[in-house]
Full PDB file with SEQRES, HELIX, SHEET, SSBOND, CRYST1, ORIGX, SCALE, CONECT and MASTER records, all heavy atoms in Angstrom:
SEQRES   1 A   42  VAL ASP PHE ASP GLY TYR SER VAL ALA THR VAL ARG ASP          
SEQRES   2 A   42  PRO TRP ASP THR THR ARG VAL MET ALA THR TYR LEU LEU          
SEQRES   3 A   42  VAL ASP ARG THR ALA GLU VAL ALA ASP GLY GLY ASP ALA          
SEQRES   4 A   42  VAL VAL VAL                                                  
SHEET    1 AA1 4 ASP A   2  PHE A   3  0                                        
SHEET    2 AA1 4 TYR A   6  ASP A  13 -1                                        
SHEET    3 AA1 4 ASP A  16  VAL A  27 -1                                        
SHEET    4 AA1 4 VAL A  40  VAL A  41  1                                        
CRYST1    1.000    1.000    1.000  90.00  90.00  90.00 P 1           1          
ORIGX1      1.000000  0.000000  0.000000        0.00000                         
ORIGX2      0.000000  1.000000  0.000000        0.00000                         
ORIGX3      0.000000  0.000000  1.000000        0.00000                         
SCALE1      1.000000  0.000000  0.000000        0.00000                         
SCALE2      0.000000  1.000000  0.000000        0.00000                         
SCALE3      0.000000  0.000000  1.000000        0.00000                         
ATOM      1  N   VAL A   1       2.362  -6.686   4.752  1.00  0.00           N  
ATOM      2  CA  VAL A   1       3.752  -7.241   4.427  1.00  0.00           C  
ATOM      3  C   VAL A   1       4.897  -6.148   4.750  1.00  0.00           C  
ATOM      4  O   VAL A   1       4.790  -5.146   4.144  1.00  0.00           O  
ATOM      5  CB  VAL A   1       3.727  -7.658   2.976  1.00  0.00           C  
ATOM      6  CG1 VAL A   1       5.099  -8.398   2.644  1.00  0.00           C  
ATOM      7  CG2 VAL A   1       2.591  -8.607   2.663  1.00  0.00           C  
ATOM      8  N   ASP A   2       5.801  -6.592   5.483  1.00  0.00           N  
ATOM      9  CA  ASP A   2       6.934  -5.752   5.826  1.00  0.00           C  
ATOM     10  C   ASP A   2       8.079  -6.069   4.883  1.00  0.00           C  
ATOM     11  O   ASP A   2       8.376  -7.315   4.584  1.00  0.00           O  
ATOM     12  CB  ASP A   2       7.354  -6.021   7.376  1.00  0.00           C  
ATOM     13  CG  ASP A   2       6.457  -5.338   8.293  1.00  0.00           C  
ATOM     14  OD1 ASP A   2       5.693  -4.514   7.893  1.00  0.00           O  
ATOM     15  OD2 ASP A   2       6.531  -5.744   9.355  1.00  0.00           O  
ATOM     16  N   PHE A   3       8.593  -5.082   4.173  1.00  0.00           N  
ATOM     17  CA  PHE A   3       9.758  -5.186   3.500  1.00  0.00           C  
ATOM     18  C   PHE A   3      10.970  -4.334   4.181  1.00  0.00           C  
ATOM     19  O   PHE A   3      10.719  -3.819   5.221  1.00  0.00           O  
ATOM     20  CB  PHE A   3       9.519  -4.564   2.001  1.00  0.00           C  
ATOM     21  CG  PHE A   3       8.651  -5.368   1.281  1.00  0.00           C  
ATOM     22  CD1 PHE A   3       7.241  -5.183   1.165  1.00  0.00           C  
ATOM     23  CD2 PHE A   3       8.958  -6.497   0.376  1.00  0.00           C  
ATOM     24  CE1 PHE A   3       6.326  -5.930   0.639  1.00  0.00           C  
ATOM     25  CE2 PHE A   3       8.210  -7.221  -0.405  1.00  0.00           C  
ATOM     26  CZ  PHE A   3       6.778  -6.944  -0.232  1.00  0.00           C  
ATOM     27  N   ASP A   4      12.042  -4.398   3.541  1.00  0.00           N  
ATOM     28  CA  ASP A   4      13.218  -3.597   3.976  1.00  0.00           C  
ATOM     29  C   ASP A   4      12.980  -2.157   3.752  1.00  0.00           C  
ATOM     30  O   ASP A   4      13.208  -1.684   2.672  1.00  0.00           O  
ATOM     31  CB  ASP A   4      14.517  -4.085   3.337  1.00  0.00           C  
ATOM     32  CG  ASP A   4      15.794  -3.340   4.021  1.00  0.00           C  
ATOM     33  OD1 ASP A   4      15.694  -2.823   5.102  1.00  0.00           O  
ATOM     34  OD2 ASP A   4      16.764  -3.348   3.351  1.00  0.00           O  
ATOM     35  N   GLY A   5      12.565  -1.466   4.898  1.00  0.00           N  
ATOM     36  CA  GLY A   5      12.462  -0.071   4.696  1.00  0.00           C  
ATOM     37  C   GLY A   5      11.109   0.418   4.355  1.00  0.00           C  
ATOM     38  O   GLY A   5      10.865   1.696   4.328  1.00  0.00           O  
ATOM     39  N   TYR A   6      10.084  -0.375   4.183  1.00  0.00           N  
ATOM     40  CA  TYR A   6       8.702   0.059   3.955  1.00  0.00           C  
ATOM     41  C   TYR A   6       7.856  -1.215   4.237  1.00  0.00           C  
ATOM     42  O   TYR A   6       8.250  -2.389   4.277  1.00  0.00           O  
ATOM     43  CB  TYR A   6       8.543   0.433   2.380  1.00  0.00           C  
ATOM     44  CG  TYR A   6       8.789  -0.483   1.471  1.00  0.00           C  
ATOM     45  CD1 TYR A   6       7.830  -1.157   0.788  1.00  0.00           C  
ATOM     46  CD2 TYR A   6      10.149  -0.730   0.931  1.00  0.00           C  
ATOM     47  CE1 TYR A   6       7.959  -2.062  -0.257  1.00  0.00           C  
ATOM     48  CE2 TYR A   6      10.383  -1.842  -0.091  1.00  0.00           C  
ATOM     49  CZ  TYR A   6       9.279  -2.456  -0.618  1.00  0.00           C  
ATOM     50  OH  TYR A   6       9.521  -3.340  -1.672  1.00  0.00           O  
ATOM     51  N   SER A   7       6.428  -0.774   4.118  1.00  0.00           N  
ATOM     52  CA  SER A   7       5.393  -1.921   4.340  1.00  0.00           C  
ATOM     53  C   SER A   7       4.344  -1.656   3.293  1.00  0.00           C  
ATOM     54  O   SER A   7       4.123  -0.521   2.872  1.00  0.00           O  
ATOM     55  CB  SER A   7       4.796  -1.876   5.810  1.00  0.00           C  
ATOM     56  OG  SER A   7       5.825  -2.093   6.709  1.00  0.00           O  
ATOM     57  N   VAL A   8       3.579  -2.736   2.893  1.00  0.00           N  
ATOM     58  CA  VAL A   8       2.460  -2.672   2.045  1.00  0.00           C  
ATOM     59  C   VAL A   8       1.220  -3.252   2.776  1.00  0.00           C  
ATOM     60  O   VAL A   8       1.258  -4.336   3.182  1.00  0.00           O  
ATOM     61  CB  VAL A   8       2.723  -3.423   0.762  1.00  0.00           C  
ATOM     62  CG1 VAL A   8       1.482  -3.370  -0.183  1.00  0.00           C  
ATOM     63  CG2 VAL A   8       3.957  -2.700  -0.010  1.00  0.00           C  
ATOM     64  N   ALA A   9       0.222  -2.495   2.780  1.00  0.00           N  
ATOM     65  CA  ALA A   9      -1.038  -2.970   3.333  1.00  0.00           C  
ATOM     66  C   ALA A   9      -2.143  -3.001   2.385  1.00  0.00           C  
ATOM     67  O   ALA A   9      -2.325  -2.078   1.607  1.00  0.00           O  
ATOM     68  CB  ALA A   9      -1.460  -2.032   4.613  1.00  0.00           C  
ATOM     69  N   THR A  10      -2.641  -4.199   2.387  1.00  0.00           N  
ATOM     70  CA  THR A  10      -3.898  -4.521   1.248  1.00  0.00           C  
ATOM     71  C   THR A  10      -5.115  -4.729   2.075  1.00  0.00           C  
ATOM     72  O   THR A  10      -5.184  -5.577   2.937  1.00  0.00           O  
ATOM     73  CB  THR A  10      -3.543  -5.810   0.384  1.00  0.00           C  
ATOM     74  OG1 THR A  10      -2.308  -5.590  -0.204  1.00  0.00           O  
ATOM     75  CG2 THR A  10      -4.651  -5.828  -0.491  1.00  0.00           C  
ATOM     76  N   VAL A  11      -6.123  -3.745   1.832  1.00  0.00           N  
ATOM     77  CA  VAL A  11      -7.380  -4.003   2.434  1.00  0.00           C  
ATOM     78  C   VAL A  11      -8.519  -4.526   1.564  1.00  0.00           C  
ATOM     79  O   VAL A  11      -8.562  -3.969   0.538  1.00  0.00           O  
ATOM     80  CB  VAL A  11      -7.856  -2.640   2.949  1.00  0.00           C  
ATOM     81  CG1 VAL A  11      -9.280  -2.666   3.704  1.00  0.00           C  
ATOM     82  CG2 VAL A  11      -6.906  -2.001   4.016  1.00  0.00           C  
ATOM     83  N   ARG A  12      -8.993  -5.626   1.848  1.00  0.00           N  
ATOM     84  CA  ARG A  12     -10.049  -6.246   1.028  1.00  0.00           C  
ATOM     85  C   ARG A  12     -11.439  -5.570   1.358  1.00  0.00           C  
ATOM     86  O   ARG A  12     -11.727  -5.159   2.507  1.00  0.00           O  
ATOM     87  CB  ARG A  12     -10.055  -7.663   1.230  1.00  0.00           C  
ATOM     88  CG  ARG A  12      -9.116  -8.447   0.385  1.00  0.00           C  
ATOM     89  CD  ARG A  12      -9.357  -9.894   0.435  1.00  0.00           C  
ATOM     90  NE  ARG A  12      -8.762 -10.588   1.528  1.00  0.00           N  
ATOM     91  CZ  ARG A  12      -8.906 -11.953   1.645  1.00  0.00           C  
ATOM     92  NH1 ARG A  12      -9.398 -12.658   0.751  1.00  0.00           N  
ATOM     93  NH2 ARG A  12      -8.324 -12.520   2.732  1.00  0.00           N  
ATOM     94  N   ASP A  13     -12.302  -5.553   0.394  1.00  0.00           N  
ATOM     95  CA  ASP A  13     -13.578  -5.049   0.422  1.00  0.00           C  
ATOM     96  C   ASP A  13     -14.420  -5.906   1.250  1.00  0.00           C  
ATOM     97  O   ASP A  13     -14.659  -7.067   1.060  1.00  0.00           O  
ATOM     98  CB  ASP A  13     -14.248  -4.884  -0.907  1.00  0.00           C  
ATOM     99  CG  ASP A  13     -15.599  -4.288  -1.003  1.00  0.00           C  
ATOM    100  OD1 ASP A  13     -16.305  -4.225   0.165  1.00  0.00           O  
ATOM    101  OD2 ASP A  13     -15.973  -3.701  -1.919  1.00  0.00           O  
ATOM    102  N   PRO A  14     -15.067  -5.480   2.491  1.00  0.00           N  
ATOM    103  CA  PRO A  14     -15.680  -6.314   3.319  1.00  0.00           C  
ATOM    104  C   PRO A  14     -16.927  -6.874   2.752  1.00  0.00           C  
ATOM    105  O   PRO A  14     -17.506  -8.000   3.164  1.00  0.00           O  
ATOM    106  CB  PRO A  14     -16.034  -5.473   4.534  1.00  0.00           C  
ATOM    107  CG  PRO A  14     -14.906  -4.355   4.473  1.00  0.00           C  
ATOM    108  CD  PRO A  14     -14.847  -4.139   3.013  1.00  0.00           C  
ATOM    109  N   TRP A  15     -17.530  -6.224   1.720  1.00  0.00           N  
ATOM    110  CA  TRP A  15     -18.742  -6.635   1.180  1.00  0.00           C  
ATOM    111  C   TRP A  15     -18.628  -7.322  -0.223  1.00  0.00           C  
ATOM    112  O   TRP A  15     -19.440  -7.990  -0.662  1.00  0.00           O  
ATOM    113  CB  TRP A  15     -19.662  -5.490   0.984  1.00  0.00           C  
ATOM    114  CG  TRP A  15     -19.965  -4.696   2.139  1.00  0.00           C  
ATOM    115  CD1 TRP A  15     -20.944  -5.033   3.112  1.00  0.00           C  
ATOM    116  CD2 TRP A  15     -19.251  -3.644   2.738  1.00  0.00           C  
ATOM    117  NE1 TRP A  15     -20.732  -4.185   4.255  1.00  0.00           N  
ATOM    118  CE2 TRP A  15     -19.870  -3.330   4.019  1.00  0.00           C  
ATOM    119  CE3 TRP A  15     -18.174  -2.870   2.283  1.00  0.00           C  
ATOM    120  CZ2 TRP A  15     -19.378  -2.276   4.831  1.00  0.00           C  
ATOM    121  CZ3 TRP A  15     -17.604  -1.767   3.126  1.00  0.00           C  
ATOM    122  CH2 TRP A  15     -18.217  -1.587   4.364  1.00  0.00           C  
ATOM    123  N   ASP A  16     -17.384  -7.449  -0.555  1.00  0.00           N  
ATOM    124  CA  ASP A  16     -17.064  -8.223  -1.714  1.00  0.00           C  
ATOM    125  C   ASP A  16     -15.522  -8.590  -1.558  1.00  0.00           C  
ATOM    126  O   ASP A  16     -14.597  -8.020  -2.217  1.00  0.00           O  
ATOM    127  CB  ASP A  16     -17.151  -7.447  -3.115  1.00  0.00           C  
ATOM    128  CG  ASP A  16     -16.832  -8.416  -4.294  1.00  0.00           C  
ATOM    129  OD1 ASP A  16     -16.487  -9.550  -4.100  1.00  0.00           O  
ATOM    130  OD2 ASP A  16     -16.924  -7.832  -5.511  1.00  0.00           O  
ATOM    131  N   THR A  17     -15.274  -9.601  -0.914  1.00  0.00           N  
ATOM    132  CA  THR A  17     -13.925 -10.013  -0.597  1.00  0.00           C  
ATOM    133  C   THR A  17     -13.007 -10.620  -1.682  1.00  0.00           C  
ATOM    134  O   THR A  17     -11.821 -10.765  -1.516  1.00  0.00           O  
ATOM    135  CB  THR A  17     -13.839 -11.050   0.628  1.00  0.00           C  
ATOM    136  OG1 THR A  17     -14.515 -12.277   0.207  1.00  0.00           O  
ATOM    137  CG2 THR A  17     -14.376 -10.365   1.820  1.00  0.00           C  
ATOM    138  N   THR A  18     -13.617 -10.627  -3.040  1.00  0.00           N  
ATOM    139  CA  THR A  18     -12.869 -10.886  -4.025  1.00  0.00           C  
ATOM    140  C   THR A  18     -12.127  -9.770  -4.668  1.00  0.00           C  
ATOM    141  O   THR A  18     -11.195  -9.894  -5.647  1.00  0.00           O  
ATOM    142  CB  THR A  18     -13.759 -11.621  -5.163  1.00  0.00           C  
ATOM    143  OG1 THR A  18     -14.798 -10.575  -5.621  1.00  0.00           O  
ATOM    144  CG2 THR A  18     -14.506 -12.815  -4.764  1.00  0.00           C  
ATOM    145  N   ARG A  19     -12.339  -8.577  -4.172  1.00  0.00           N  
ATOM    146  CA  ARG A  19     -11.751  -7.390  -4.694  1.00  0.00           C  
ATOM    147  C   ARG A  19     -10.948  -6.649  -3.524  1.00  0.00           C  
ATOM    148  O   ARG A  19     -11.366  -6.690  -2.451  1.00  0.00           O  
ATOM    149  CB  ARG A  19     -12.689  -6.472  -5.423  1.00  0.00           C  
ATOM    150  CG  ARG A  19     -13.714  -5.870  -4.669  1.00  0.00           C  
ATOM    151  CD  ARG A  19     -14.779  -4.951  -5.288  1.00  0.00           C  
ATOM    152  NE  ARG A  19     -14.155  -3.755  -5.672  1.00  0.00           N  
ATOM    153  CZ  ARG A  19     -13.980  -2.634  -4.948  1.00  0.00           C  
ATOM    154  NH1 ARG A  19     -14.590  -2.537  -3.687  1.00  0.00           N  
ATOM    155  NH2 ARG A  19     -13.336  -1.573  -5.316  1.00  0.00           N  
ATOM    156  N   VAL A  20     -10.075  -5.879  -4.036  1.00  0.00           N  
ATOM    157  CA  VAL A  20      -9.272  -5.070  -3.205  1.00  0.00           C  
ATOM    158  C   VAL A  20      -9.947  -3.676  -3.023  1.00  0.00           C  
ATOM    159  O   VAL A  20     -10.235  -3.034  -3.995  1.00  0.00           O  
ATOM    160  CB  VAL A  20      -7.759  -4.953  -3.613  1.00  0.00           C  
ATOM    161  CG1 VAL A  20      -7.101  -3.805  -2.873  1.00  0.00           C  
ATOM    162  CG2 VAL A  20      -6.980  -6.260  -3.528  1.00  0.00           C  
ATOM    163  N   MET A  21     -10.037  -3.188  -1.889  1.00  0.00           N  
ATOM    164  CA  MET A  21     -10.758  -1.961  -1.563  1.00  0.00           C  
ATOM    165  C   MET A  21      -9.643  -0.821  -1.680  1.00  0.00           C  
ATOM    166  O   MET A  21      -9.840   0.150  -2.349  1.00  0.00           O  
ATOM    167  CB  MET A  21     -11.359  -1.776  -0.204  1.00  0.00           C  
ATOM    168  CG  MET A  21     -11.819  -0.429   0.226  1.00  0.00           C  
ATOM    169  SD  MET A  21     -12.771  -0.468   1.732  1.00  0.00           S  
ATOM    170  CE  MET A  21     -14.283  -1.037   1.233  1.00  0.00           C  
ATOM    171  N   ALA A  22      -8.417  -1.098  -1.176  1.00  0.00           N  
ATOM    172  CA  ALA A  22      -7.284  -0.047  -1.150  1.00  0.00           C  
ATOM    173  C   ALA A  22      -5.953  -0.703  -0.904  1.00  0.00           C  
ATOM    174  O   ALA A  22      -5.964  -1.811  -0.012  1.00  0.00           O  
ATOM    175  CB  ALA A  22      -7.510   1.028  -0.250  1.00  0.00           C  
ATOM    176  N   THR A  23      -4.884  -0.319  -1.399  1.00  0.00           N  
ATOM    177  CA  THR A  23      -3.675  -0.767  -1.132  1.00  0.00           C  
ATOM    178  C   THR A  23      -2.702   0.441  -0.817  1.00  0.00           C  
ATOM    179  O   THR A  23      -2.842   1.408  -1.366  1.00  0.00           O  
ATOM    180  CB  THR A  23      -3.092  -1.396  -2.351  1.00  0.00           C  
ATOM    181  OG1 THR A  23      -3.788  -2.670  -2.724  1.00  0.00           O  
ATOM    182  CG2 THR A  23      -1.515  -2.023  -1.978  1.00  0.00           C  
ATOM    183  N   TYR A  24      -1.967   0.314   0.375  1.00  0.00           N  
ATOM    184  CA  TYR A  24      -1.239   1.458   0.860  1.00  0.00           C  
ATOM    185  C   TYR A  24       0.275   1.028   0.866  1.00  0.00           C  
ATOM    186  O   TYR A  24       0.674  -0.042   1.287  1.00  0.00           O  
ATOM    187  CB  TYR A  24      -1.641   1.735   2.319  1.00  0.00           C  
ATOM    188  CG  TYR A  24      -3.083   2.000   2.297  1.00  0.00           C  
ATOM    189  CD1 TYR A  24      -4.041   1.115   2.826  1.00  0.00           C  
ATOM    190  CD2 TYR A  24      -3.610   3.417   1.931  1.00  0.00           C  
ATOM    191  CE1 TYR A  24      -5.388   1.481   2.745  1.00  0.00           C  
ATOM    192  CE2 TYR A  24      -4.896   3.760   1.971  1.00  0.00           C  
ATOM    193  CZ  TYR A  24      -5.875   2.751   2.367  1.00  0.00           C  
ATOM    194  OH  TYR A  24      -7.240   3.035   2.456  1.00  0.00           O  
ATOM    195  N   LEU A  25       1.103   2.032   0.418  1.00  0.00           N  
ATOM    196  CA  LEU A  25       2.549   1.874   0.477  1.00  0.00           C  
ATOM    197  C   LEU A  25       2.999   2.721   1.583  1.00  0.00           C  
ATOM    198  O   LEU A  25       2.880   4.068   1.488  1.00  0.00           O  
ATOM    199  CB  LEU A  25       3.199   2.262  -0.948  1.00  0.00           C  
ATOM    200  CG  LEU A  25       4.690   2.379  -1.025  1.00  0.00           C  
ATOM    201  CD1 LEU A  25       5.294   0.877  -0.733  1.00  0.00           C  
ATOM    202  CD2 LEU A  25       5.072   2.857  -2.336  1.00  0.00           C  
ATOM    203  N   LEU A  26       3.413   2.157   2.634  1.00  0.00           N  
ATOM    204  CA  LEU A  26       3.905   2.973   3.693  1.00  0.00           C  
ATOM    205  C   LEU A  26       5.411   3.111   3.700  1.00  0.00           C  
ATOM    206  O   LEU A  26       6.241   2.195   3.811  1.00  0.00           O  
ATOM    207  CB  LEU A  26       3.584   2.158   5.212  1.00  0.00           C  
ATOM    208  CG  LEU A  26       2.011   1.751   5.233  1.00  0.00           C  
ATOM    209  CD1 LEU A  26       1.769   1.034   6.633  1.00  0.00           C  
ATOM    210  CD2 LEU A  26       1.136   2.829   4.989  1.00  0.00           C  
ATOM    211  N   VAL A  27       5.842   4.357   3.414  1.00  0.00           N  
ATOM    212  CA  VAL A  27       7.192   4.577   3.285  1.00  0.00           C  
ATOM    213  C   VAL A  27       7.588   5.709   4.211  1.00  0.00           C  
ATOM    214  O   VAL A  27       6.831   6.562   4.689  1.00  0.00           O  
ATOM    215  CB  VAL A  27       7.582   4.997   1.705  1.00  0.00           C  
ATOM    216  CG1 VAL A  27       7.221   3.948   0.798  1.00  0.00           C  
ATOM    217  CG2 VAL A  27       6.830   6.378   1.456  1.00  0.00           C  
ATOM    218  N   ASP A  28       8.846   5.712   4.458  1.00  0.00           N  
ATOM    219  CA  ASP A  28       9.584   6.719   5.286  1.00  0.00           C  
ATOM    220  C   ASP A  28       9.293   8.126   4.728  1.00  0.00           C  
ATOM    221  O   ASP A  28       9.488   8.389   3.607  1.00  0.00           O  
ATOM    222  CB  ASP A  28      10.927   6.396   5.669  1.00  0.00           C  
ATOM    223  CG  ASP A  28      11.571   7.307   6.622  1.00  0.00           C  
ATOM    224  OD1 ASP A  28      11.631   7.068   7.782  1.00  0.00           O  
ATOM    225  OD2 ASP A  28      12.109   8.403   6.131  1.00  0.00           O  
ATOM    226  N   ARG A  29       9.185   9.081   5.582  1.00  0.00           N  
ATOM    227  CA  ARG A  29       8.908  10.420   5.243  1.00  0.00           C  
ATOM    228  C   ARG A  29       9.979  10.962   4.334  1.00  0.00           C  
ATOM    229  O   ARG A  29       9.779  11.907   3.542  1.00  0.00           O  
ATOM    230  CB  ARG A  29       8.760  11.287   6.407  1.00  0.00           C  
ATOM    231  CG  ARG A  29       7.586  10.909   7.340  1.00  0.00           C  
ATOM    232  CD  ARG A  29       7.333  11.932   8.403  1.00  0.00           C  
ATOM    233  NE  ARG A  29       6.710  13.210   7.879  1.00  0.00           N  
ATOM    234  CZ  ARG A  29       5.394  13.202   7.549  1.00  0.00           C  
ATOM    235  NH1 ARG A  29       4.561  12.170   7.825  1.00  0.00           N  
ATOM    236  NH2 ARG A  29       4.905  14.265   6.995  1.00  0.00           N  
ATOM    237  N   THR A  30      11.215  10.494   4.418  1.00  0.00           N  
ATOM    238  CA  THR A  30      12.362  11.039   3.662  1.00  0.00           C  
ATOM    239  C   THR A  30      12.591  10.277   2.438  1.00  0.00           C  
ATOM    240  O   THR A  30      13.516  10.722   1.707  1.00  0.00           O  
ATOM    241  CB  THR A  30      13.573  10.962   4.600  1.00  0.00           C  
ATOM    242  OG1 THR A  30      13.880   9.617   4.987  1.00  0.00           O  
ATOM    243  CG2 THR A  30      13.337  11.863   5.963  1.00  0.00           C  
ATOM    244  N   ALA A  31      11.921   9.183   2.287  1.00  0.00           N  
ATOM    245  CA  ALA A  31      12.252   8.367   0.940  1.00  0.00           C  
ATOM    246  C   ALA A  31      11.716   8.977  -0.125  1.00  0.00           C  
ATOM    247  O   ALA A  31      10.654   9.666  -0.346  1.00  0.00           O  
ATOM    248  CB  ALA A  31      11.638   7.002   1.240  1.00  0.00           C  
ATOM    249  N   GLU A  32      12.349   8.696  -1.319  1.00  0.00           N  
ATOM    250  CA  GLU A  32      11.958   9.169  -2.684  1.00  0.00           C  
ATOM    251  C   GLU A  32      11.133   8.114  -3.259  1.00  0.00           C  
ATOM    252  O   GLU A  32      11.567   6.823  -3.341  1.00  0.00           O  
ATOM    253  CB  GLU A  32      13.177   9.438  -3.614  1.00  0.00           C  
ATOM    254  CG  GLU A  32      14.023  10.563  -3.114  1.00  0.00           C  
ATOM    255  CD  GLU A  32      15.206  10.840  -4.052  1.00  0.00           C  
ATOM    256  OE1 GLU A  32      15.047  10.723  -5.162  1.00  0.00           O  
ATOM    257  OE2 GLU A  32      16.342  11.203  -3.549  1.00  0.00           O  
ATOM    258  N   VAL A  33       9.989   8.285  -3.784  1.00  0.00           N  
ATOM    259  CA  VAL A  33       9.067   7.441  -4.398  1.00  0.00           C  
ATOM    260  C   VAL A  33       8.848   7.851  -5.886  1.00  0.00           C  
ATOM    261  O   VAL A  33       8.241   8.865  -6.161  1.00  0.00           O  
ATOM    262  CB  VAL A  33       7.721   7.210  -3.695  1.00  0.00           C  
ATOM    263  CG1 VAL A  33       6.963   6.239  -4.378  1.00  0.00           C  
ATOM    264  CG2 VAL A  33       7.935   6.781  -2.329  1.00  0.00           C  
ATOM    265  N   ALA A  34       9.371   7.131  -6.834  1.00  0.00           N  
ATOM    266  CA  ALA A  34       9.203   7.395  -8.271  1.00  0.00           C  
ATOM    267  C   ALA A  34       7.716   7.285  -8.646  1.00  0.00           C  
ATOM    268  O   ALA A  34       7.188   8.164  -9.241  1.00  0.00           O  
ATOM    269  CB  ALA A  34      10.024   6.708  -9.064  1.00  0.00           C  
ATOM    270  N   ASP A  35       7.094   6.179  -8.174  1.00  0.00           N  
ATOM    271  CA  ASP A  35       5.693   6.012  -8.576  1.00  0.00           C  
ATOM    272  C   ASP A  35       5.105   4.903  -7.614  1.00  0.00           C  
ATOM    273  O   ASP A  35       5.689   3.827  -7.488  1.00  0.00           O  
ATOM    274  CB  ASP A  35       5.656   5.419 -10.024  1.00  0.00           C  
ATOM    275  CG  ASP A  35       4.173   5.297 -10.447  1.00  0.00           C  
ATOM    276  OD1 ASP A  35       3.204   5.479  -9.659  1.00  0.00           O  
ATOM    277  OD2 ASP A  35       3.995   5.279 -11.731  1.00  0.00           O  
ATOM    278  N   GLY A  36       4.022   5.207  -7.001  1.00  0.00           N  
ATOM    279  CA  GLY A  36       3.395   4.187  -6.148  1.00  0.00           C  
ATOM    280  C   GLY A  36       2.518   3.133  -6.928  1.00  0.00           C  
ATOM    281  O   GLY A  36       1.888   2.312  -6.261  1.00  0.00           O  
ATOM    282  N   GLY A  37       2.353   3.346  -8.278  1.00  0.00           N  
ATOM    283  CA  GLY A  37       1.603   2.407  -8.961  1.00  0.00           C  
ATOM    284  C   GLY A  37       0.056   2.621  -8.414  1.00  0.00           C  
ATOM    285  O   GLY A  37      -0.514   3.675  -8.455  1.00  0.00           O  
ATOM    286  N   ASP A  38      -0.729   1.571  -8.173  1.00  0.00           N  
ATOM    287  CA  ASP A  38      -2.033   1.574  -7.920  1.00  0.00           C  
ATOM    288  C   ASP A  38      -2.178   1.882  -6.353  1.00  0.00           C  
ATOM    289  O   ASP A  38      -3.235   2.017  -5.878  1.00  0.00           O  
ATOM    290  CB  ASP A  38      -2.714   0.475  -8.231  1.00  0.00           C  
ATOM    291  CG  ASP A  38      -2.798   0.135  -9.816  1.00  0.00           C  
ATOM    292  OD1 ASP A  38      -2.892   1.108 -10.426  1.00  0.00           O  
ATOM    293  OD2 ASP A  38      -2.793  -0.922 -10.276  1.00  0.00           O  
ATOM    294  N   ALA A  39      -1.016   1.958  -5.556  1.00  0.00           N  
ATOM    295  CA  ALA A  39      -1.128   2.138  -4.164  1.00  0.00           C  
ATOM    296  C   ALA A  39      -1.173   3.499  -3.802  1.00  0.00           C  
ATOM    297  O   ALA A  39      -0.737   4.429  -4.499  1.00  0.00           O  
ATOM    298  CB  ALA A  39       0.185   1.530  -3.567  1.00  0.00           C  
ATOM    299  N   VAL A  40      -1.835   3.816  -2.630  1.00  0.00           N  
ATOM    300  CA  VAL A  40      -1.823   5.110  -2.032  1.00  0.00           C  
ATOM    301  C   VAL A  40      -0.578   5.206  -1.201  1.00  0.00           C  
ATOM    302  O   VAL A  40      -0.370   4.374  -0.328  1.00  0.00           O  
ATOM    303  CB  VAL A  40      -3.128   5.327  -1.162  1.00  0.00           C  
ATOM    304  CG1 VAL A  40      -3.083   6.601  -0.409  1.00  0.00           C  
ATOM    305  CG2 VAL A  40      -4.377   5.074  -1.890  1.00  0.00           C  
ATOM    306  N   VAL A  41       0.255   6.256  -1.543  1.00  0.00           N  
ATOM    307  CA  VAL A  41       1.502   6.368  -0.819  1.00  0.00           C  
ATOM    308  C   VAL A  41       1.255   7.211   0.505  1.00  0.00           C  
ATOM    309  O   VAL A  41       0.618   8.261   0.434  1.00  0.00           O  
ATOM    310  CB  VAL A  41       2.457   7.161  -1.601  1.00  0.00           C  
ATOM    311  CG1 VAL A  41       3.733   7.573  -0.759  1.00  0.00           C  
ATOM    312  CG2 VAL A  41       2.771   6.431  -2.880  1.00  0.00           C  
ATOM    313  N   VAL A  42       1.596   6.504   1.573  1.00  0.00           N  
ATOM    314  CA  VAL A  42       1.334   7.245   2.880  1.00  0.00           C  
ATOM    315  C   VAL A  42       2.786   7.324   3.528  1.00  0.00           C  
ATOM    316  O   VAL A  42       3.631   6.475   3.783  1.00  0.00           O  
ATOM    317  CB  VAL A  42       0.596   6.391   3.902  1.00  0.00           C  
ATOM    318  CG1 VAL A  42       0.301   7.030   5.143  1.00  0.00           C  
ATOM    319  CG2 VAL A  42      -0.785   6.073   3.250  1.00  0.00           C  
TER     320      VAL A  42                                                      
MASTER        0    0    0    0    4    0    0    6  319    1    0    4          
END                                                                             
C-alpha cells in the first residue's frame, strides 16, 4: 500500500496464510519516525 511519502508492505506466512509473517514500513531515509509499532522500519 502506497501512502503519501511512505509505503507499507505486509507479507503473509506462506505456510499459514491466516497470519502475518512481517510488516514493513518503508520510509524516506530523512523522515522522522516516532514509532513503527509492530512494523519493521526500513
